[in-house]
Amino acid sequence: MRIVIIAAIVLFVLIWAKFVLDVLRRPDLGPGSKAIWTIFMLVLPLFGILIYLLLKPSDAQIQQNARR
């Protein structure tokens, strides 16, 4: 049972790190927005990730806005 808990924690940390890196790499966000999202994901990791998933525009929308 302990190994399942450890695996779940490691998986969650990897997913969390992926989303934080995604926020930091987005060209459409300014430095202030990146800082707010990163802090939000640090303080409330599960809710931060869920809200980010719901509000994040698709990659196609990000690229289209970058071309303008």
Protein backbone atom coordinates (compact mmCIF):
# COMPACT_ATOMS: atom_id res chain seq x y z
CA MET A 1 0.00 0.00 0.00
CA ARG A 2 2.87 2.35 0.79
CA ILE A 3 4.25 2.05 -2.74
CA VAL A 4 0.89 3.11 -4.23
CA ILE A 5 0.85 6.23 -2.07
CA ILE A 6 4.44 7.08 -3.01
CA ALA A 7 3.67 6.52 -6.70
CA ALA A 8 0.61 8.78 -6.48
CA ILE A 9 2.63 11.53 -4.79
CA VAL A 10 5.43 11.29 -7.37
CA LEU A 11 2.89 11.36 -10.21
CA PHE A 12 1.16 14.41 -8.73
CA VAL A 13 4.48 16.26 -8.32
CA LEU A 14 5.41 15.52 -11.94
CA ILE A 15 2.03 16.75 -13.20
CA TRP A 16 2.29 19.85 -11.01
CA ALA A 17 5.80 20.62 -12.33
CA LYS A 18 4.59 20.20 -15.92
CA PHE A 19 1.85 22.79 -15.42
CA VAL A 20 4.15 25.26 -13.65
CA LEU A 21 6.62 24.97 -16.54
CA ASP A 22 3.75 25.42 -19.00
CA VAL A 23 2.78 28.67 -17.27
CA LEU A 24 6.36 29.93 -17.31
CA ARG A 25 6.82 29.13 -21.01
CA ARG A 26 3.61 30.74 -22.29
CA PRO A 27 4.44 33.74 -24.49
CA ASP A 28 0.96 35.26 -24.14
CA LEU A 29 1.25 35.82 -20.37
CA GLY A 30 3.05 38.76 -18.87
CA PRO A 31 5.46 38.44 -15.94
CA GLY A 32 2.79 39.43 -13.42
CA SER A 33 0.32 36.84 -14.69
CA LYS A 34 2.99 34.16 -14.67
CA ALA A 35 3.87 35.02 -11.08
CA ILE A 36 0.24 34.94 -9.97
CA TRP A 37 -0.43 31.57 -11.62
CA THR A 38 2.78 30.09 -10.19
CA ILE A 39 2.00 31.31 -6.67
CA PHE A 40 -1.58 30.07 -6.99
CA MET A 41 -0.32 26.62 -8.00
CA LEU A 42 2.16 26.61 -5.13
CA VAL A 43 -0.40 27.60 -2.49
CA LEU A 44 -3.32 25.46 -3.76
CA PRO A 45 -1.75 22.89 -6.08
CA LEU A 46 -4.78 20.72 -6.86
CA PHE A 47 -7.23 23.59 -7.31
CA GLY A 48 -4.62 25.68 -9.12
CA ILE A 49 -4.05 22.97 -11.70
CA LEU A 50 -7.77 22.35 -12.18
CA ILE A 51 -8.58 26.04 -12.63
CA TYR A 52 -5.61 26.49 -14.97
CA LEU A 53 -6.86 23.58 -17.08
CA LEU A 54 -10.32 25.12 -17.29
CA LEU A 55 -9.15 28.64 -18.15
CA LYS A 56 -6.12 27.98 -20.36
CA PRO A 57 -6.71 28.71 -24.05
CA SER A 58 -5.79 25.97 -26.50
CA ASP A 59 -2.34 25.94 -28.06
CA ALA A 60 -3.89 26.90 -31.41
CA GLN A 61 -5.48 29.99 -29.85
CA ILE A 62 -2.18 30.95 -28.22
CA GLN A 63 -0.33 30.65 -31.54
CA GLN A 64 -3.02 32.59 -33.38
CA ASN A 65 -2.82 35.44 -30.85
CA ALA A 66 0.98 35.43 -31.06
CA ARG A 67 0.81 35.98 -34.85
CA ARG A 68 -1.26 39.14 -34.47
